[in-house]
Amino acid sequence: MDPRLPVALVLLLGPAACEPSPPDLVLPDASEVEAYYETERRLEAEVSGNVVEVRVDQPAEHLRRGGTLWAKVGPYVFVFTEATRGLFEDYPGLAAVRVVTRLPDGSEVARAMLVRDELSDVQWRRALNIAGKARGEGPLGRLDELVRWGEEHTTFEYNPTYASVR
């Protein structure tokens, strides 16, 4: 055996041994996803491939009282939360979170999907700030700001019965 062979093997295989292990690509199940979101509304989750879909009931009174603006803002109230951010942090294999708002009768009002790498850390802080202010009892302008932010950073659809795209 050539005495240089062990040295060659170490030089060849050594860098591979030093590479970090790949991330754990385990995905949450539906009950784990539901546990992330704290809400009094009826919420259901489903994992399809590497996308989580969260379906949340939106009270009909929101649409009667707030009209188009409330129809649009519904998904963003849940997309831009610590719960969504936590799912992305805890499950590296998760590609996107989609939130669908619906009336209690099951008819869809709106949907928005946020992909994993859409927001930087600074943008996440901004998103959480905007969403937190919108969830408070502040002026309607805060809801509009959340809708604008959501439309800039997600793939979204609105049911034309309740709202249209600008």
C-alpha atoms as a PDB file:
ATOM      1  CA  MET A   1       0.000   0.000   0.000  1.00  0.00           C
ATOM      2  CA  ASP A   2       1.205   3.437  -0.889  1.00  0.00           C
ATOM      3  CA  PRO A   3       2.047   5.361   2.361  1.00  0.00           C
ATOM      4  CA  ARG A   4       0.484   8.502   0.893  1.00  0.00           C
ATOM      5  CA  LEU A   5      -2.987   6.870   0.637  1.00  0.00           C
ATOM      6  CA  PRO A   6      -4.071   7.543   4.275  1.00  0.00           C
ATOM      7  CA  VAL A   7      -2.980  11.177   3.964  1.00  0.00           C
ATOM      8  CA  ALA A   8      -4.846  11.520   0.679  1.00  0.00           C
ATOM      9  CA  LEU A   9      -7.994  10.050   2.248  1.00  0.00           C
ATOM     10  CA  VAL A  10      -7.819  12.446   5.189  1.00  0.00           C
ATOM     11  CA  LEU A  11      -7.367  15.404   2.849  1.00  0.00           C
ATOM     12  CA  LEU A  12     -10.203  14.202   0.647  1.00  0.00           C
ATOM     13  CA  LEU A  13     -12.716  13.232   3.337  1.00  0.00           C
ATOM     14  CA  GLY A  14     -11.671  15.644   6.093  1.00  0.00           C
ATOM     15  CA  PRO A  15     -13.643  18.662   4.836  1.00  0.00           C
ATOM     16  CA  ALA A  16     -16.821  16.568   4.569  1.00  0.00           C
ATOM     17  CA  ALA A  17     -16.502  15.599   8.226  1.00  0.00           C
ATOM     18  CA  CYS A  18     -16.294  19.268   9.218  1.00  0.00           C
ATOM     19  CA  GLU A  19     -19.415  20.373   7.329  1.00  0.00           C
ATOM     20  CA  PRO A  20     -22.416  21.090   9.532  1.00  0.00           C
ATOM     21  CA  SER A  21     -25.139  18.505   9.527  1.00  0.00           C
ATOM     22  CA  PRO A  22     -28.186  19.351   7.416  1.00  0.00           C
ATOM     23  CA  PRO A  23     -31.103  20.909   9.273  1.00  0.00           C
ATOM     24  CA  ASP A  24     -33.838  18.700  10.652  1.00  0.00           C
ATOM     25  CA  LEU A  25     -36.578  18.931   8.023  1.00  0.00           C
ATOM     26  CA  VAL A  26     -39.329  17.458  10.188  1.00  0.00           C
ATOM     27  CA  LEU A  27     -42.624  19.293   9.740  1.00  0.00           C
ATOM     28  CA  PRO A  28     -45.259  19.988  12.395  1.00  0.00           C
ATOM     29  CA  ASP A  29     -48.516  18.114  12.405  1.00  0.00           C
ATOM     30  CA  ALA A  30     -51.849  19.937  12.439  1.00  0.00           C
ATOM     31  CA  SER A  31     -52.282  19.864  16.219  1.00  0.00           C
ATOM     32  CA  GLU A  32     -48.794  21.303  16.738  1.00  0.00           C
ATOM     33  CA  VAL A  33     -49.578  24.156  14.341  1.00  0.00           C
ATOM     34  CA  GLU A  34     -52.870  24.875  16.110  1.00  0.00           C
ATOM     35  CA  ALA A  35     -51.038  25.074  19.439  1.00  0.00           C
ATOM     36  CA  TYR A  36     -48.861  27.936  18.111  1.00  0.00           C
ATOM     37  CA  TYR A  37     -51.827  30.239  17.504  1.00  0.00           C
ATOM     38  CA  GLU A  38     -53.718  31.578  20.502  1.00  0.00           C
ATOM     39  CA  THR A  39     -57.181  32.738  19.519  1.00  0.00           C
ATOM     40  CA  GLU A  40     -60.743  32.510  20.692  1.00  0.00           C
ATOM     41  CA  ARG A  41     -61.863  31.993  17.103  1.00  0.00           C
ATOM     42  CA  ARG A  42     -62.297  28.546  15.603  1.00  0.00           C
ATOM     43  CA  LEU A  43     -58.964  27.663  14.009  1.00  0.00           C
ATOM     44  CA  GLU A  44     -57.981  24.556  12.061  1.00  0.00           C
ATOM     45  CA  ALA A  45     -54.629  23.676  10.551  1.00  0.00           C
ATOM     46  CA  GLU A  46     -53.471  21.331   7.843  1.00  0.00           C
ATOM     47  CA  VAL A  47     -50.003  20.470   6.598  1.00  0.00           C
ATOM     48  CA  SER A  48     -49.769  19.783   2.880  1.00  0.00           C
ATOM     49  CA  GLY A  49     -46.281  19.017   1.634  1.00  0.00           C
ATOM     50  CA  ASN A  50     -44.107  21.656   3.250  1.00  0.00           C
ATOM     51  CA  VAL A  51     -46.841  24.300   3.495  1.00  0.00           C
ATOM     52  CA  VAL A  52     -48.985  24.904   6.563  1.00  0.00           C
ATOM     53  CA  GLU A  53     -52.523  26.133   5.982  1.00  0.00           C
ATOM     54  CA  VAL A  54     -54.357  27.734   8.879  1.00  0.00           C
ATOM     55  CA  ARG A  55     -58.099  28.299   8.487  1.00  0.00           C
ATOM     56  CA  VAL A  56     -59.660  30.813  10.863  1.00  0.00           C
ATOM     57  CA  ASP A  57     -63.273  31.865  11.251  1.00  0.00           C
ATOM     58  CA  GLN A  58     -63.893  35.564  10.811  1.00  0.00           C
ATOM     59  CA  PRO A  59     -67.038  36.877  12.487  1.00  0.00           C
ATOM     60  CA  ALA A  60     -69.652  38.105   9.991  1.00  0.00           C
ATOM     61  CA  GLU A  61     -70.040  41.247  12.138  1.00  0.00           C
ATOM     62  CA  HIS A  62     -66.485  42.257  11.140  1.00  0.00           C
ATOM     63  CA  LEU A  63     -67.578  42.372   7.529  1.00  0.00           C
ATOM     64  CA  ARG A  64     -70.832  44.172   8.318  1.00  0.00           C
ATOM     65  CA  ARG A  65     -69.054  46.726  10.498  1.00  0.00           C
ATOM     66  CA  GLY A  66     -65.756  47.124   8.658  1.00  0.00           C
ATOM     67  CA  GLY A  67     -66.584  46.047   5.119  1.00  0.00           C
ATOM     68  CA  THR A  68     -63.807  45.633   2.582  1.00  0.00           C
ATOM     69  CA  LEU A  69     -61.013  46.669   4.917  1.00  0.00           C
ATOM     70  CA  TRP A  70     -61.914  44.017   7.486  1.00  0.00           C
ATOM     71  CA  ALA A  71     -62.298  41.398   4.768  1.00  0.00           C
ATOM     72  CA  LYS A  72     -58.778  42.105   3.533  1.00  0.00           C
ATOM     73  CA  VAL A  73     -57.021  42.395   6.886  1.00  0.00           C
ATOM     74  CA  GLY A  74     -58.243  39.057   8.265  1.00  0.00           C
ATOM     75  CA  PRO A  75     -55.402  36.775   7.107  1.00  0.00           C
ATOM     76  CA  TYR A  76     -52.653  39.293   7.867  1.00  0.00           C
ATOM     77  CA  VAL A  77     -53.688  39.461  11.523  1.00  0.00           C
ATOM     78  CA  PHE A  78     -52.574  35.814  11.771  1.00  0.00           C
ATOM     79  CA  VAL A  79     -49.777  35.713   9.176  1.00  0.00           C
ATOM     80  CA  PHE A  80     -47.729  38.427  10.869  1.00  0.00           C
ATOM     81  CA  THR A  81     -47.521  36.939  14.354  1.00  0.00           C
ATOM     82  CA  GLU A  82     -44.942  35.402  16.640  1.00  0.00           C
ATOM     83  CA  ALA A  83     -46.768  32.117  15.989  1.00  0.00           C
ATOM     84  CA  THR A  84     -45.919  32.178  12.281  1.00  0.00           C
ATOM     85  CA  ARG A  85     -42.386  33.333  12.943  1.00  0.00           C
ATOM     86  CA  GLY A  86     -42.008  30.561  15.550  1.00  0.00           C
ATOM     87  CA  LEU A  87     -43.154  27.915  13.076  1.00  0.00           C
ATOM     88  CA  PHE A  88     -40.520  29.054  10.584  1.00  0.00           C
ATOM     89  CA  GLU A  89     -37.829  29.043  13.288  1.00  0.00           C
ATOM     90  CA  ASP A  90     -38.783  25.685  14.782  1.00  0.00           C
ATOM     91  CA  TYR A  91     -39.369  23.841  11.494  1.00  0.00           C
ATOM     92  CA  PRO A  92     -36.627  24.609   8.949  1.00  0.00           C
ATOM     93  CA  GLY A  93     -38.337  22.381   6.378  1.00  0.00           C
ATOM     94  CA  LEU A  94     -41.445  24.562   6.368  1.00  0.00           C
ATOM     95  CA  ALA A  95     -41.622  26.554   3.129  1.00  0.00           C
ATOM     96  CA  ALA A  96     -44.698  28.711   3.700  1.00  0.00           C
ATOM     97  CA  VAL A  97     -47.637  29.517   5.945  1.00  0.00           C
ATOM     98  CA  ARG A  98     -50.991  30.240   4.348  1.00  0.00           C
ATOM     99  CA  VAL A  99     -53.845  31.735   6.365  1.00  0.00           C
ATOM    100  CA  VAL A 100     -57.399  31.502   5.073  1.00  0.00           C
ATOM    101  CA  THR A 101     -60.188  33.461   6.731  1.00  0.00           C
ATOM    102  CA  ARG A 102     -63.732  32.243   6.323  1.00  0.00           C
ATOM    103  CA  LEU A 103     -67.183  32.928   7.619  1.00  0.00           C
ATOM    104  CA  PRO A 104     -68.663  30.469  10.108  1.00  0.00           C
ATOM    105  CA  ASP A 105     -70.677  28.957   7.221  1.00  0.00           C
ATOM    106  CA  GLY A 106     -67.356  27.980   5.587  1.00  0.00           C
ATOM    107  CA  SER A 107     -67.297  30.513   2.739  1.00  0.00           C
ATOM    108  CA  GLU A 108     -63.828  31.900   2.156  1.00  0.00           C
ATOM    109  CA  VAL A 109     -63.243  35.606   2.702  1.00  0.00           C
ATOM    110  CA  ALA A 110     -59.509  35.999   1.996  1.00  0.00           C
ATOM    111  CA  ARG A 111     -56.193  34.164   1.969  1.00  0.00           C
ATOM    112  CA  ALA A 112     -52.547  35.152   2.227  1.00  0.00           C
ATOM    113  CA  MET A 113     -49.407  33.035   1.988  1.00  0.00           C
ATOM    114  CA  LEU A 114     -46.057  34.080   3.426  1.00  0.00           C
ATOM    115  CA  VAL A 115     -42.997  32.191   2.210  1.00  0.00           C
ATOM    116  CA  ARG A 116     -40.175  31.424   4.600  1.00  0.00           C
ATOM    117  CA  ASP A 117     -37.488  33.832   3.406  1.00  0.00           C
ATOM    118  CA  GLU A 118     -39.713  36.765   2.444  1.00  0.00           C
ATOM    119  CA  LEU A 119     -38.933  38.765   5.577  1.00  0.00           C
ATOM    120  CA  SER A 120     -35.548  39.597   7.053  1.00  0.00           C
ATOM    121  CA  ASP A 121     -35.196  39.909  10.840  1.00  0.00           C
ATOM    122  CA  VAL A 122     -35.696  43.680  10.574  1.00  0.00           C
ATOM    123  CA  GLN A 123     -38.789  43.211   8.402  1.00  0.00           C
ATOM    124  CA  TRP A 124     -40.190  40.659  10.856  1.00  0.00           C
ATOM    125  CA  ARG A 125     -39.869  43.211  13.659  1.00  0.00           C
ATOM    126  CA  ARG A 126     -41.632  45.785  11.473  1.00  0.00           C
ATOM    127  CA  ALA A 127     -44.379  43.293  10.532  1.00  0.00           C
ATOM    128  CA  LEU A 128     -44.998  42.357  14.161  1.00  0.00           C
ATOM    129  CA  ASN A 129     -45.135  46.036  15.097  1.00  0.00           C
ATOM    130  CA  ILE A 130     -47.643  46.883  12.349  1.00  0.00           C
ATOM    131  CA  ALA A 131     -49.792  43.842  13.131  1.00  0.00           C
ATOM    132  CA  GLY A 132     -49.707  44.509  16.869  1.00  0.00           C
ATOM    133  CA  LYS A 133     -50.920  48.070  16.384  1.00  0.00           C
ATOM    134  CA  ALA A 134     -53.620  46.897  13.968  1.00  0.00           C
ATOM    135  CA  ARG A 135     -54.872  44.288  16.462  1.00  0.00           C
ATOM    136  CA  GLY A 136     -55.197  46.965  19.131  1.00  0.00           C
ATOM    137  CA  GLU A 137     -58.150  49.279  19.327  1.00  0.00           C
ATOM    138  CA  GLY A 138     -56.347  51.921  17.299  1.00  0.00           C
ATOM    139  CA  PRO A 139     -57.549  53.878  14.285  1.00  0.00           C
ATOM    140  CA  LEU A 140     -58.610  52.174  11.059  1.00  0.00           C
ATOM    141  CA  GLY A 141     -55.473  53.574   9.420  1.00  0.00           C
ATOM    142  CA  ARG A 142     -53.504  50.888  11.236  1.00  0.00           C
ATOM    143  CA  LEU A 143     -55.615  48.180   9.582  1.00  0.00           C
ATOM    144  CA  ASP A 144     -54.979  49.771   6.198  1.00  0.00           C
ATOM    145  CA  GLU A 145     -51.241  49.829   6.916  1.00  0.00           C
ATOM    146  CA  LEU A 146     -51.338  46.109   7.739  1.00  0.00           C
ATOM    147  CA  VAL A 147     -53.199  45.366   4.499  1.00  0.00           C
ATOM    148  CA  ARG A 148     -50.622  47.331   2.472  1.00  0.00           C
ATOM    149  CA  TRP A 149     -47.753  45.511   4.227  1.00  0.00           C
ATOM    150  CA  GLY A 150     -49.446  42.165   3.656  1.00  0.00           C
ATOM    151  CA  GLU A 151     -50.033  42.834  -0.022  1.00  0.00           C
ATOM    152  CA  GLU A 152     -46.357  43.741  -0.438  1.00  0.00           C
ATOM    153  CA  HIS A 153     -45.039  40.596   1.258  1.00  0.00           C
ATOM    154  CA  THR A 154     -47.498  37.778   0.596  1.00  0.00           C
ATOM    155  CA  THR A 155     -49.329  36.048  -2.195  1.00  0.00           C
ATOM    156  CA  PHE A 156     -52.956  36.890  -1.511  1.00  0.00           C
ATOM    157  CA  GLU A 157     -56.498  36.506  -2.821  1.00  0.00           C
ATOM    158  CA  TYR A 158     -59.710  38.183  -1.748  1.00  0.00           C
ATOM    159  CA  ASN A 159     -63.181  36.834  -2.341  1.00  0.00           C
ATOM    160  CA  PRO A 160     -64.695  39.437  -4.720  1.00  0.00           C
ATOM    161  CA  THR A 161     -67.982  39.224  -2.828  1.00  0.00           C
ATOM    162  CA  TYR A 162     -66.294  40.893   0.151  1.00  0.00           C
ATOM    163  CA  ALA A 163     -63.289  42.746  -1.256  1.00  0.00           C
ATOM    164  CA  SER A 164     -61.425  43.361  -4.464  1.00  0.00           C
ATOM    165  CA  VAL A 165     -57.765  43.903  -5.211  1.00  0.00           C
ATOM    166  CA  ARG A 166     -56.860  47.551  -5.635  1.00  0.00           C
END
